[in-house]
Every structure is written in structure tokens, then in C-alpha cells.
Amino acid sequence: MTMTVAPPQKKICLSDHGLSPVMTKNEIEAVIVRFKEELSEKTFYDTAVQIYHNLKCMAPESSFFYQQFFSNTGLFLTIAFRFIADNGEYEFANDYTYIKRKEWVIQTPNNYPNIK
């Protein structure tokens, strides 16, 4: 097993980007609208497609240190918040410097013994 060292990460303060740790989908959508107005819709969607692609391609139990790939931290966080709201196997690290993908769980009756 090869160990890799995480690249240095800048500290993240969610409030600097109009975000908070607990947001509804509607609140996230409001921040998305703001970014669409600040950027062109094409720039926003091109970035969103790239972020979704990077996150969907993560292997289970891996981490994505996004700061080395995306310079607009607020935009990345906003799109990632929306992605994570729809994809339960992903989560931010406690300090929001990277995203983790948890292990895939195949739902079977053995995983949920109370459900027959």
C-alpha cells in the first residue's frame, strides 16, 4: 500500500462564500443563482460539469483535494454542496478542505435485518 501526502490546503471559512454547514437545497440553489449572475451561465455550467465528473469518478474510500484544481473556492463549494445533497456517499472533511467518498454499501436484507 502506497501512502501519499495530502497537498497543503488553505483554510476554508464557509461564511466567506455565503455558505453554512447546514443548508437546505433551496438555500444552496439561491447561492447557485448568485454565481450564475456573477459568471456567465456557460462558465457556471462548464465548471459544474467538471466538478460533477471529478466527484463521480472518485473511487470508494478516496479523497479529493479540490484546491489544487479549482481556484474559485466558493463556486466549487457551492456546486459540491449541491452534489453532496443528492449523493449520500460523499461528504466534506470537517475543515472543508477536501471531499471524501465513503465505501459503497450494497443494500441487501442482511444490511437491514429489520426489513424483510
PDB file of N, CA and C in Angstrom:
ATOM      1  N   MET A   1       0.838  -1.175   0.000  1.00  0.00           N
ATOM      2  CA  MET A   1       0.000   0.000   0.000  1.00  0.00           C
ATOM      3  C   MET A   1       0.891   1.248   0.000  1.00  0.00           C
ATOM      4  N   THR A   2       0.656   2.133  -0.937  1.00  0.00           N
ATOM      5  CA  THR A   2       1.438   3.355  -1.040  1.00  0.00           C
ATOM      6  C   THR A   2       0.725   4.481  -0.304  1.00  0.00           C
ATOM      7  N   MET A   3       1.448   5.169   0.550  1.00  0.00           N
ATOM      8  CA  MET A   3       0.878   6.302   1.276  1.00  0.00           C
ATOM      9  C   MET A   3       1.239   7.569   0.515  1.00  0.00           C
ATOM     10  N   THR A   4       0.282   8.438   0.357  1.00  0.00           N
ATOM     11  CA  THR A   4       0.549   9.723  -0.271  1.00  0.00           C
ATOM     12  C   THR A   4       0.299  10.823   0.739  1.00  0.00           C
ATOM     13  N   VAL A   5       0.987  11.904   0.565  1.00  0.00           N
ATOM     14  CA  VAL A   5       0.834  13.042   1.461  1.00  0.00           C
ATOM     15  C   VAL A   5      -0.131  14.023   0.817  1.00  0.00           C
ATOM     16  N   ALA A   6      -1.085  14.496   1.600  1.00  0.00           N
ATOM     17  CA  ALA A   6      -2.044  15.465   1.084  1.00  0.00           C
ATOM     18  C   ALA A   6      -1.339  16.778   0.788  1.00  0.00           C
ATOM     19  N   PRO A   7      -1.700  17.417  -0.318  1.00  0.00           N
ATOM     20  CA  PRO A   7      -1.086  18.716  -0.622  1.00  0.00           C
ATOM     21  C   PRO A   7      -1.525  19.755   0.410  1.00  0.00           C
ATOM     22  N   PRO A   8      -0.723  20.798   0.597  1.00  0.00           N
ATOM     23  CA  PRO A   8      -1.121  21.833   1.556  1.00  0.00           C
ATOM     24  C   PRO A   8      -2.429  22.488   1.118  1.00  0.00           C
ATOM     25  N   GLN A   9      -3.303  22.730   2.073  1.00  0.00           N
ATOM     26  CA  GLN A   9      -4.611  23.287   1.785  1.00  0.00           C
ATOM     27  C   GLN A   9      -4.805  24.605   2.529  1.00  0.00           C
ATOM     28  N   LYS A  10      -5.468  25.564   1.870  1.00  0.00           N
ATOM     29  CA  LYS A  10      -5.814  26.811   2.541  1.00  0.00           C
ATOM     30  C   LYS A  10      -7.000  26.559   3.459  1.00  0.00           C
ATOM     31  N   LYS A  11      -7.050  27.268   4.589  1.00  0.00           N
ATOM     32  CA  LYS A  11      -8.186  27.143   5.490  1.00  0.00           C
ATOM     33  C   LYS A  11      -9.439  27.671   4.801  1.00  0.00           C
ATOM     34  N   ILE A  12     -10.545  27.037   5.102  1.00  0.00           N
ATOM     35  CA  ILE A  12     -11.812  27.399   4.488  1.00  0.00           C
ATOM     36  C   ILE A  12     -12.749  27.955   5.558  1.00  0.00           C
ATOM     37  N   CYS A  13     -13.328  29.105   5.273  1.00  0.00           N
ATOM     38  CA  CYS A  13     -14.372  29.685   6.114  1.00  0.00           C
ATOM     39  C   CYS A  13     -15.615  29.768   5.235  1.00  0.00           C
ATOM     40  N   LEU A  14     -16.591  28.913   5.504  1.00  0.00           N
ATOM     41  CA  LEU A  14     -17.771  28.835   4.646  1.00  0.00           C
ATOM     42  C   LEU A  14     -18.490  30.166   4.520  1.00  0.00           C
ATOM     43  N   SER A  15     -18.552  30.936   5.602  1.00  0.00           N
ATOM     44  CA  SER A  15     -19.283  32.202   5.560  1.00  0.00           C
ATOM     45  C   SER A  15     -18.646  33.194   4.585  1.00  0.00           C
ATOM     46  N   ASP A  16     -17.358  33.042   4.295  1.00  0.00           N
ATOM     47  CA  ASP A  16     -16.705  33.903   3.300  1.00  0.00           C
ATOM     48  C   ASP A  16     -17.300  33.694   1.909  1.00  0.00           C
ATOM     49  N   HIS A  17     -17.971  32.559   1.718  1.00  0.00           N
ATOM     50  CA  HIS A  17     -18.520  32.200   0.410  1.00  0.00           C
ATOM     51  C   HIS A  17     -20.042  32.147   0.416  1.00  0.00           C
ATOM     52  N   GLY A  18     -20.654  32.691   1.464  1.00  0.00           N
ATOM     53  CA  GLY A  18     -22.117  32.707   1.552  1.00  0.00           C
ATOM     54  C   GLY A  18     -22.715  31.365   1.886  1.00  0.00           C
ATOM     55  N   LEU A  19     -21.931  30.498   2.511  1.00  0.00           N
ATOM     56  CA  LEU A  19     -22.381  29.150   2.834  1.00  0.00           C
ATOM     57  C   LEU A  19     -22.356  28.924   4.337  1.00  0.00           C
ATOM     58  N   SER A  20     -23.060  27.889   4.769  1.00  0.00           N
ATOM     59  CA  SER A  20     -23.014  27.471   6.169  1.00  0.00           C
ATOM     60  C   SER A  20     -23.024  25.951   6.203  1.00  0.00           C
ATOM     61  N   PRO A  21     -22.612  25.351   7.322  1.00  0.00           N
ATOM     62  CA  PRO A  21     -22.526  23.880   7.380  1.00  0.00           C
ATOM     63  C   PRO A  21     -23.862  23.172   7.178  1.00  0.00           C
ATOM     64  N   VAL A  22     -24.953  23.835   7.534  1.00  0.00           N
ATOM     65  CA  VAL A  22     -26.269  23.215   7.391  1.00  0.00           C
ATOM     66  C   VAL A  22     -27.096  24.097   6.472  1.00  0.00           C
ATOM     67  N   MET A  23     -27.318  23.607   5.252  1.00  0.00           N
ATOM     68  CA  MET A  23     -28.085  24.370   4.272  1.00  0.00           C
ATOM     69  C   MET A  23     -29.099  23.458   3.596  1.00  0.00           C
ATOM     70  N   THR A  24     -30.275  24.003   3.335  1.00  0.00           N
ATOM     71  CA  THR A  24     -31.277  23.260   2.575  1.00  0.00           C
ATOM     72  C   THR A  24     -30.930  23.353   1.097  1.00  0.00           C
ATOM     73  N   LYS A  25     -31.562  22.509   0.292  1.00  0.00           N
ATOM     74  CA  LYS A  25     -31.332  22.574  -1.154  1.00  0.00           C
ATOM     75  C   LYS A  25     -31.747  23.938  -1.698  1.00  0.00           C
ATOM     76  N   ASN A  26     -32.827  24.512  -1.160  1.00  0.00           N
ATOM     77  CA  ASN A  26     -33.265  25.834  -1.623  1.00  0.00           C
ATOM     78  C   ASN A  26     -32.235  26.910  -1.307  1.00  0.00           C
ATOM     79  N   GLU A  27     -31.606  26.825  -0.148  1.00  0.00           N
ATOM     80  CA  GLU A  27     -30.562  27.792   0.207  1.00  0.00           C
ATOM     81  C   GLU A  27     -29.341  27.639  -0.700  1.00  0.00           C
ATOM     82  N   ILE A  28     -28.999  26.398  -1.004  1.00  0.00           N
ATOM     83  CA  ILE A  28     -27.880  26.151  -1.919  1.00  0.00           C
ATOM     84  C   ILE A  28     -28.227  26.698  -3.308  1.00  0.00           C
ATOM     85  N   GLU A  29     -29.461  26.466  -3.743  1.00  0.00           N
ATOM     86  CA  GLU A  29     -29.895  26.956  -5.053  1.00  0.00           C
ATOM     87  C   GLU A  29     -29.814  28.477  -5.135  1.00  0.00           C
ATOM     88  N   ALA A  30     -30.110  29.172  -4.032  1.00  0.00           N
ATOM     89  CA  ALA A  30     -30.018  30.637  -4.023  1.00  0.00           C
ATOM     90  C   ALA A  30     -28.577  31.090  -4.247  1.00  0.00           C
ATOM     91  N   VAL A  31     -27.627  30.382  -3.662  1.00  0.00           N
ATOM     92  CA  VAL A  31     -26.215  30.722  -3.866  1.00  0.00           C
ATOM     93  C   VAL A  31     -25.815  30.398  -5.309  1.00  0.00           C
ATOM     94  N   ILE A  32     -26.349  29.322  -5.845  1.00  0.00           N
ATOM     95  CA  ILE A  32     -26.075  28.961  -7.243  1.00  0.00           C
ATOM     96  C   ILE A  32     -26.560  30.059  -8.181  1.00  0.00           C
ATOM     97  N   VAL A  33     -27.752  30.588  -7.924  1.00  0.00           N
ATOM     98  CA  VAL A  33     -28.293  31.681  -8.749  1.00  0.00           C
ATOM     99  C   VAL A  33     -27.352  32.883  -8.714  1.00  0.00           C
ATOM    100  N   ARG A  34     -26.826  33.181  -7.537  1.00  0.00           N
ATOM    101  CA  ARG A  34     -25.885  34.307  -7.407  1.00  0.00           C
ATOM    102  C   ARG A  34     -24.645  34.078  -8.276  1.00  0.00           C
ATOM    103  N   PHE A  35     -24.112  32.854  -8.250  1.00  0.00           N
ATOM    104  CA  PHE A  35     -22.928  32.561  -9.074  1.00  0.00           C
ATOM    105  C   PHE A  35     -23.257  32.644 -10.567  1.00  0.00           C
ATOM    106  N   LYS A  36     -24.446  32.178 -10.964  1.00  0.00           N
ATOM    107  CA  LYS A  36     -24.836  32.262 -12.372  1.00  0.00           C
ATOM    108  C   LYS A  36     -24.914  33.715 -12.824  1.00  0.00           C
ATOM    109  N   GLU A  37     -25.350  34.603 -11.912  1.00  0.00           N
ATOM    110  CA  GLU A  37     -25.436  36.029 -12.239  1.00  0.00           C
ATOM    111  C   GLU A  37     -24.048  36.669 -12.305  1.00  0.00           C
ATOM    112  N   GLU A  38     -23.150  36.254 -11.415  1.00  0.00           N
ATOM    113  CA  GLU A  38     -21.792  36.813 -11.388  1.00  0.00           C
ATOM    114  C   GLU A  38     -20.953  36.333 -12.570  1.00  0.00           C
ATOM    115  N   LEU A  39     -21.088  35.059 -12.890  1.00  0.00           N
ATOM    116  CA  LEU A  39     -20.368  34.465 -14.021  1.00  0.00           C
ATOM    117  C   LEU A  39     -21.351  34.348 -15.175  1.00  0.00           C
ATOM    118  N   SER A  40     -20.897  33.975 -16.311  1.00  0.00           N
ATOM    119  CA  SER A  40     -21.854  33.645 -17.375  1.00  0.00           C
ATOM    120  C   SER A  40     -22.413  32.252 -17.075  1.00  0.00           C
ATOM    121  N   GLU A  41     -23.612  31.978 -17.612  1.00  0.00           N
ATOM    122  CA  GLU A  41     -24.187  30.643 -17.387  1.00  0.00           C
ATOM    123  C   GLU A  41     -23.286  29.565 -17.982  1.00  0.00           C
ATOM    124  N   LYS A  42     -22.660  29.858 -19.111  1.00  0.00           N
ATOM    125  CA  LYS A  42     -21.765  28.873 -19.734  1.00  0.00           C
ATOM    126  C   LYS A  42     -20.592  28.561 -18.812  1.00  0.00           C
ATOM    127  N   THR A  43     -19.971  29.587 -18.230  1.00  0.00           N
ATOM    128  CA  THR A  43     -18.848  29.362 -17.311  1.00  0.00           C
ATOM    129  C   THR A  43     -19.304  28.550 -16.112  1.00  0.00           C
ATOM    130  N   PHE A  44     -20.481  28.908 -15.578  1.00  0.00           N
ATOM    131  CA  PHE A  44     -21.002  28.170 -14.429  1.00  0.00           C
ATOM    132  C   PHE A  44     -21.210  26.700 -14.786  1.00  0.00           C
ATOM    133  N   TYR A  45     -21.911  26.429 -15.876  1.00  0.00           N
ATOM    134  CA  TYR A  45     -22.225  25.046 -16.232  1.00  0.00           C
ATOM    135  C   TYR A  45     -20.981  24.253 -16.630  1.00  0.00           C
ATOM    136  N   ASP A  46     -20.046  24.882 -17.318  1.00  0.00           N
ATOM    137  CA  ASP A  46     -18.799  24.184 -17.654  1.00  0.00           C
ATOM    138  C   ASP A  46     -18.068  23.746 -16.386  1.00  0.00           C
ATOM    139  N   THR A  47     -18.040  24.638 -15.395  1.00  0.00           N
ATOM    140  CA  THR A  47     -17.388  24.310 -14.122  1.00  0.00           C
ATOM    141  C   THR A  47     -18.169  23.229 -13.389  1.00  0.00           C
ATOM    142  N   ALA A  48     -19.491  23.337 -13.380  1.00  0.00           N
ATOM    143  CA  ALA A  48     -20.326  22.341 -12.690  1.00  0.00           C
ATOM    144  C   ALA A  48     -20.136  20.952 -13.288  1.00  0.00           C
ATOM    145  N   VAL A  49     -20.082  20.867 -14.612  1.00  0.00           N
ATOM    146  CA  VAL A  49     -19.877  19.571 -15.276  1.00  0.00           C
ATOM    147  C   VAL A  49     -18.526  18.992 -14.881  1.00  0.00           C
ATOM    148  N   GLN A  50     -17.514  19.831 -14.841  1.00  0.00           N
ATOM    149  CA  GLN A  50     -16.181  19.365 -14.457  1.00  0.00           C
ATOM    150  C   GLN A  50     -16.168  18.865 -13.006  1.00  0.00           C
ATOM    151  N   ILE A  51     -16.823  19.588 -12.113  1.00  0.00           N
ATOM    152  CA  ILE A  51     -16.868  19.190 -10.700  1.00  0.00           C
ATOM    153  C   ILE A  51     -17.634  17.881 -10.542  1.00  0.00           C
ATOM    154  N   TYR A  52     -18.800  17.785 -11.161  1.00  0.00           N
ATOM    155  CA  TYR A  52     -19.581  16.547 -11.072  1.00  0.00           C
ATOM    156  C   TYR A  52     -18.782  15.366 -11.613  1.00  0.00           C
ATOM    157  N   HIS A  53     -18.089  15.575 -12.729  1.00  0.00           N
ATOM    158  CA  HIS A  53     -17.279  14.499 -13.306  1.00  0.00           C
ATOM    159  C   HIS A  53     -16.195  14.050 -12.320  1.00  0.00           C
ATOM    160  N   ASN A  54     -15.484  15.011 -11.730  1.00  0.00           N
ATOM    161  CA  ASN A  54     -14.428  14.665 -10.777  1.00  0.00           C
ATOM    162  C   ASN A  54     -14.983  13.898  -9.586  1.00  0.00           C
ATOM    163  N   LEU A  55     -16.111  14.318  -9.078  1.00  0.00           N
ATOM    164  CA  LEU A  55     -16.673  13.658  -7.902  1.00  0.00           C
ATOM    165  C   LEU A  55     -17.226  12.279  -8.239  1.00  0.00           C
ATOM    166  N   LYS A  56     -17.912  12.163  -9.370  1.00  0.00           N
ATOM    167  CA  LYS A  56     -18.471  10.857  -9.740  1.00  0.00           C
ATOM    168  C   LYS A  56     -17.383   9.826 -10.039  1.00  0.00           C
ATOM    169  N   CYS A  57     -16.214  10.277 -10.464  1.00  0.00           N
ATOM    170  CA  CYS A  57     -15.121   9.355 -10.793  1.00  0.00           C
ATOM    171  C   CYS A  57     -14.297   8.934  -9.576  1.00  0.00           C
ATOM    172  N   MET A  58     -14.606   9.475  -8.408  1.00  0.00           N
ATOM    173  CA  MET A  58     -13.854   9.097  -7.202  1.00  0.00           C
ATOM    174  C   MET A  58     -14.115   7.636  -6.864  1.00  0.00           C
ATOM    175  N   ALA A  59     -13.071   6.941  -6.502  1.00  0.00           N
ATOM    176  CA  ALA A  59     -13.212   5.566  -6.040  1.00  0.00           C
ATOM    177  C   ALA A  59     -13.752   5.577  -4.611  1.00  0.00           C
ATOM    178  N   PRO A  60     -14.460   4.523  -4.207  1.00  0.00           N
ATOM    179  CA  PRO A  60     -14.903   4.444  -2.816  1.00  0.00           C
ATOM    180  C   PRO A  60     -13.714   4.551  -1.866  1.00  0.00           C
ATOM    181  N   GLU A  61     -13.938   5.214  -0.758  1.00  0.00           N
ATOM    182  CA  GLU A  61     -12.941   5.425   0.292  1.00  0.00           C
ATOM    183  C   GLU A  61     -11.739   6.238  -0.203  1.00  0.00           C
ATOM    184  N   SER A  62     -11.993   7.166  -1.109  1.00  0.00           N
ATOM    185  CA  SER A  62     -10.929   8.056  -1.562  1.00  0.00           C
ATOM    186  C   SER A  62     -11.264   9.492  -1.178  1.00  0.00           C
ATOM    187  N   SER A  63     -10.300  10.368  -1.354  1.00  0.00           N
ATOM    188  CA  SER A  63     -10.462  11.788  -1.028  1.00  0.00           C
ATOM    189  C   SER A  63     -10.080  12.625  -2.239  1.00  0.00           C
ATOM    190  N   PHE A  64     -10.740  13.756  -2.392  1.00  0.00           N
ATOM    191  CA  PHE A  64     -10.457  14.674  -3.490  1.00  0.00           C
ATOM    192  C   PHE A  64     -10.069  16.028  -2.903  1.00  0.00           C
ATOM    193  N   PHE A  65      -8.811  16.391  -3.068  1.00  0.00           N
ATOM    194  CA  PHE A  65      -8.292  17.673  -2.588  1.00  0.00           C
ATOM    195  C   PHE A  65      -8.456  18.678  -3.731  1.00  0.00           C
ATOM    196  N   TYR A  66      -9.574  19.336  -3.735  1.00  0.00           N
ATOM    197  CA  TYR A  66     -10.001  20.154  -4.862  1.00  0.00           C
ATOM    198  C   TYR A  66      -9.224  21.451  -5.039  1.00  0.00           C
ATOM    199  N   GLN A  67      -8.599  21.991  -4.007  1.00  0.00           N
ATOM    200  CA  GLN A  67      -7.983  23.314  -4.098  1.00  0.00           C
ATOM    201  C   GLN A  67      -6.872  23.386  -5.138  1.00  0.00           C
ATOM    202  N   GLN A  68      -6.234  22.265  -5.422  1.00  0.00           N
ATOM    203  CA  GLN A  68      -5.170  22.300  -6.425  1.00  0.00           C
ATOM    204  C   GLN A  68      -5.725  22.302  -7.847  1.00  0.00           C
ATOM    205  N   PHE A  69      -7.040  22.068  -8.005  1.00  0.00           N
ATOM    206  CA  PHE A  69      -7.645  22.009  -9.336  1.00  0.00           C
ATOM    207  C   PHE A  69      -8.628  23.143  -9.614  1.00  0.00           C
ATOM    208  N   PHE A  70      -9.222  23.704  -8.574  1.00  0.00           N
ATOM    209  CA  PHE A  70     -10.257  24.729  -8.736  1.00  0.00           C
ATOM    210  C   PHE A  70      -9.867  25.973  -7.950  1.00  0.00           C
ATOM    211  N   SER A  71      -9.679  27.083  -8.656  1.00  0.00           N
ATOM    212  CA  SER A  71      -9.248  28.314  -7.991  1.00  0.00           C
ATOM    213  C   SER A  71     -10.405  29.076  -7.356  1.00  0.00           C
ATOM    214  N   ASN A  72     -11.624  28.909  -7.877  1.00  0.00           N
ATOM    215  CA  ASN A  72     -12.782  29.597  -7.316  1.00  0.00           C
ATOM    216  C   ASN A  72     -13.395  28.708  -6.230  1.00  0.00           C
ATOM    217  N   THR A  73     -12.893  28.864  -5.024  1.00  0.00           N
ATOM    218  CA  THR A  73     -13.302  28.001  -3.914  1.00  0.00           C
ATOM    219  C   THR A  73     -14.791  28.096  -3.639  1.00  0.00           C
ATOM    220  N   GLY A  74     -15.331  29.296  -3.646  1.00  0.00           N
ATOM    221  CA  GLY A  74     -16.758  29.474  -3.378  1.00  0.00           C
ATOM    222  C   GLY A  74     -17.629  28.747  -4.376  1.00  0.00           C
ATOM    223  N   LEU A  75     -17.265  28.853  -5.651  1.00  0.00           N
ATOM    224  CA  LEU A  75     -18.025  28.164  -6.694  1.00  0.00           C
ATOM    225  C   LEU A  75     -17.917  26.659  -6.519  1.00  0.00           C
ATOM    226  N   PHE A  76     -16.707  26.167  -6.281  1.00  0.00           N
ATOM    227  CA  PHE A  76     -16.543  24.728  -6.080  1.00  0.00           C
ATOM    228  C   PHE A  76     -17.385  24.247  -4.902  1.00  0.00           C
ATOM    229  N   LEU A  77     -17.281  24.935  -3.767  1.00  0.00           N
ATOM    230  CA  LEU A  77     -18.016  24.519  -2.570  1.00  0.00           C
ATOM    231  C   LEU A  77     -19.522  24.498  -2.817  1.00  0.00           C
ATOM    232  N   THR A  78     -20.022  25.514  -3.496  1.00  0.00           N
ATOM    233  CA  THR A  78     -21.458  25.601  -3.757  1.00  0.00           C
ATOM    234  C   THR A  78     -21.933  24.434  -4.612  1.00  0.00           C
ATOM    235  N   ILE A  79     -21.229  24.175  -5.686  1.00  0.00           N
ATOM    236  CA  ILE A  79     -21.615  23.069  -6.570  1.00  0.00           C
ATOM    237  C   ILE A  79     -21.453  21.732  -5.842  1.00  0.00           C
ATOM    238  N   ALA A  80     -20.381  21.597  -5.074  1.00  0.00           N
ATOM    239  CA  ALA A  80     -20.165  20.354  -4.327  1.00  0.00           C
ATOM    240  C   ALA A  80     -21.233  20.162  -3.251  1.00  0.00           C
ATOM    241  N   PHE A  81     -21.654  21.233  -2.586  1.00  0.00           N
ATOM    242  CA  PHE A  81     -22.745  21.141  -1.610  1.00  0.00           C
ATOM    243  C   PHE A  81     -23.981  20.560  -2.278  1.00  0.00           C
ATOM    244  N   ARG A  82     -24.293  21.056  -3.483  1.00  0.00           N
ATOM    245  CA  ARG A  82     -25.478  20.580  -4.204  1.00  0.00           C
ATOM    246  C   ARG A  82     -25.309  19.117  -4.591  1.00  0.00           C
ATOM    247  N   PHE A  83     -24.135  18.751  -5.057  1.00  0.00           N
ATOM    248  CA  PHE A  83     -23.859  17.361  -5.434  1.00  0.00           C
ATOM    249  C   PHE A  83     -24.010  16.444  -4.227  1.00  0.00           C
ATOM    250  N   ILE A  84     -23.426  16.829  -3.103  1.00  0.00           N
ATOM    251  CA  ILE A  84     -23.455  16.006  -1.894  1.00  0.00           C
ATOM    252  C   ILE A  84     -24.878  15.871  -1.365  1.00  0.00           C
ATOM    253  N   ALA A  85     -25.695  16.911  -1.524  1.00  0.00           N
ATOM    254  CA  ALA A  85     -27.087  16.832  -1.076  1.00  0.00           C
ATOM    255  C   ALA A  85     -27.841  15.706  -1.780  1.00  0.00           C
ATOM    256  N   ASP A  86     -27.417  15.374  -3.004  1.00  0.00           N
ATOM    257  CA  ASP A  86     -28.073  14.314  -3.780  1.00  0.00           C
ATOM    258  C   ASP A  86     -27.332  12.984  -3.766  1.00  0.00           C
ATOM    259  N   ASN A  87     -26.146  12.953  -3.203  1.00  0.00           N
ATOM    260  CA  ASN A  87     -25.314  11.742  -3.236  1.00  0.00           C
ATOM    261  C   ASN A  87     -24.765  11.467  -1.847  1.00  0.00           C
ATOM    262  N   GLY A  88     -25.451  10.625  -1.112  1.00  0.00           N
ATOM    263  CA  GLY A  88     -25.164  10.390   0.299  1.00  0.00           C
ATOM    264  C   GLY A  88     -23.829   9.738   0.609  1.00  0.00           C
ATOM    265  N   GLU A  89     -23.156   9.160  -0.380  1.00  0.00           N
ATOM    266  CA  GLU A  89     -21.883   8.503  -0.067  1.00  0.00           C
ATOM    267  C   GLU A  89     -20.707   9.472  -0.080  1.00  0.00           C
ATOM    268  N   TYR A  90     -20.979  10.744  -0.339  1.00  0.00           N
ATOM    269  CA  TYR A  90     -19.933  11.780  -0.335  1.00  0.00           C
ATOM    270  C   TYR A  90     -20.110  12.683   0.878  1.00  0.00           C
ATOM    271  N   GLU A  91     -18.987  13.213   1.372  1.00  0.00           N
ATOM    272  CA  GLU A  91     -19.054  14.180   2.467  1.00  0.00           C
ATOM    273  C   GLU A  91     -17.798  15.029   2.471  1.00  0.00           C
ATOM    274  N   PHE A  92     -17.937  16.237   3.003  1.00  0.00           N
ATOM    275  CA  PHE A  92     -16.776  17.094   3.181  1.00  0.00           C
ATOM    276  C   PHE A  92     -16.009  16.643   4.406  1.00  0.00           C
ATOM    277  N   ALA A  93     -14.721  16.899   4.413  1.00  0.00           N
ATOM    278  CA  ALA A  93     -13.932  16.747   5.632  1.00  0.00           C
ATOM    279  C   ALA A  93     -14.411  17.819   6.609  1.00  0.00           C
ATOM    280  N   ASN A  94     -14.121  17.635   7.873  1.00  0.00           N
ATOM    281  CA  ASN A  94     -14.586  18.583   8.896  1.00  0.00           C
ATOM    282  C   ASN A  94     -14.126  20.013   8.618  1.00  0.00           C
ATOM    283  N   ASP A  95     -12.973  20.181   7.985  1.00  0.00           N
ATOM    284  CA  ASP A  95     -12.461  21.524   7.712  1.00  0.00           C
ATOM    285  C   ASP A  95     -12.759  21.992   6.282  1.00  0.00           C
ATOM    286  N   TYR A  96     -13.531  21.213   5.532  1.00  0.00           N
ATOM    287  CA  TYR A  96     -13.960  21.549   4.171  1.00  0.00           C
ATOM    288  C   TYR A  96     -12.812  21.693   3.169  1.00  0.00           C
ATOM    289  N   THR A  97     -11.668  21.132   3.468  1.00  0.00           N
ATOM    290  CA  THR A  97     -10.538  21.237   2.544  1.00  0.00           C
ATOM    291  C   THR A  97     -10.516  20.110   1.512  1.00  0.00           C
ATOM    292  N   TYR A  98     -11.308  19.083   1.710  1.00  0.00           N
ATOM    293  CA  TYR A  98     -11.400  18.016   0.724  1.00  0.00           C
ATOM    294  C   TYR A  98     -12.724  17.290   0.880  1.00  0.00           C
ATOM    295  N   ILE A  99     -13.040  16.462  -0.116  1.00  0.00           N
ATOM    296  CA  ILE A  99     -14.264  15.668  -0.105  1.00  0.00           C
ATOM    297  C   ILE A  99     -13.877  14.204  -0.022  1.00  0.00           C
ATOM    298  N   LYS A 100     -14.613  13.467   0.793  1.00  0.00           N
ATOM    299  CA  LYS A 100     -14.385  12.033   0.949  1.00  0.00           C
ATOM    300  C   LYS A 100     -15.559  11.280   0.319  1.00  0.00           C
ATOM    301  N   ARG A 101     -15.239  10.162  -0.298  1.00  0.00           N
ATOM    302  CA  ARG A 101     -16.299   9.260  -0.755  1.00  0.00           C
ATOM    303  C   ARG A 101     -16.247   8.025   0.127  1.00  0.00           C
ATOM    304  N   LYS A 102     -17.347   7.768   0.767  1.00  0.00           N
ATOM    305  CA  LYS A 102     -17.415   6.613   1.659  1.00  0.00           C
ATOM    306  C   LYS A 102     -17.542   5.328   0.839  1.00  0.00           C
ATOM    307  N   GLU A 103     -17.380   4.227   1.517  1.00  0.00           N
ATOM    308  CA  GLU A 103     -17.490   2.924   0.871  1.00  0.00           C
ATOM    309  C   GLU A 103     -18.905   2.708   0.352  1.00  0.00           C
ATOM    310  N   TRP A 104     -18.995   2.108  -0.816  1.00  0.00           N
ATOM    311  CA  TRP A 104     -20.306   1.771  -1.344  1.00  0.00           C
ATOM    312  C   TRP A 104     -20.928   0.697  -0.472  1.00  0.00           C
ATOM    313  N   VAL A 105     -22.187   0.829  -0.217  1.00  0.00           N
ATOM    314  CA  VAL A 105     -22.917  -0.184   0.539  1.00  0.00           C
ATOM    315  C   VAL A 105     -23.991  -0.741  -0.382  1.00  0.00           C
ATOM    316  N   ILE A 106     -23.903  -2.019  -0.624  1.00  0.00           N
ATOM    317  CA  ILE A 106     -24.922  -2.674  -1.428  1.00  0.00           C
ATOM    318  C   ILE A 106     -26.056  -3.042  -0.497  1.00  0.00           C
ATOM    319  N   GLN A 107     -27.225  -2.528  -0.807  1.00  0.00           N
ATOM    320  CA  GLN A 107     -28.359  -2.754   0.078  1.00  0.00           C
ATOM    321  C   GLN A 107     -28.917  -4.153  -0.136  1.00  0.00           C
ATOM    322  N   THR A 108     -28.856  -4.936   0.924  1.00  0.00           N
ATOM    323  CA  THR A 108     -29.393  -6.287   0.920  1.00  0.00           C
ATOM    324  C   THR A 108     -30.175  -6.479   2.213  1.00  0.00           C
ATOM    325  N   PRO A 109     -30.965  -7.528   2.303  1.00  0.00           N
ATOM    326  CA  PRO A 109     -31.674  -7.791   3.562  1.00  0.00           C
ATOM    327  C   PRO A 109     -30.713  -7.958   4.751  1.00  0.00           C
ATOM    328  N   ASN A 110     -29.459  -8.409   4.485  1.00  0.00           N
ATOM    329  CA  ASN A 110     -28.507  -8.578   5.570  1.00  0.00           C
ATOM    330  C   ASN A 110     -28.041  -7.234   6.136  1.00  0.00           C
ATOM    331  N   ASN A 111     -28.015  -6.184   5.302  1.00  0.00           N
ATOM    332  CA  ASN A 111     -27.632  -4.858   5.756  1.00  0.00           C
ATOM    333  C   ASN A 111     -28.715  -4.233   6.617  1.00  0.00           C
ATOM    334  N   TYR A 112     -29.969  -4.611   6.325  1.00  0.00           N
ATOM    335  CA  TYR A 112     -31.113  -4.050   7.028  1.00  0.00           C
ATOM    336  C   TYR A 112     -31.951  -5.207   7.576  1.00  0.00           C
ATOM    337  N   PRO A 113     -31.519  -5.804   8.695  1.00  0.00           N
ATOM    338  CA  PRO A 113     -32.203  -7.005   9.187  1.00  0.00           C
ATOM    339  C   PRO A 113     -33.657  -6.783   9.575  1.00  0.00           C
ATOM    340  N   ASN A 114     -34.053  -5.531   9.853  1.00  0.00           N
ATOM    341  CA  ASN A 114     -35.444  -5.271  10.222  1.00  0.00           C
ATOM    342  C   ASN A 114     -36.364  -5.189   9.015  1.00  0.00           C
ATOM    343  N   ILE A 115     -35.793  -5.162   7.831  1.00  0.00           N
ATOM    344  CA  ILE A 115     -36.592  -5.083   6.607  1.00  0.00           C
ATOM    345  C   ILE A 115     -36.571  -6.463   5.954  1.00  0.00           C
ATOM    346  N   LYS A 116     -37.716  -7.010   5.756  1.00  0.00           N
ATOM    347  CA  LYS A 116     -37.823  -8.341   5.142  1.00  0.00           C
ATOM    348  C   LYS A 116     -38.536  -8.245   3.819  1.00  0.00           C
TER     349      LYS A 116
END
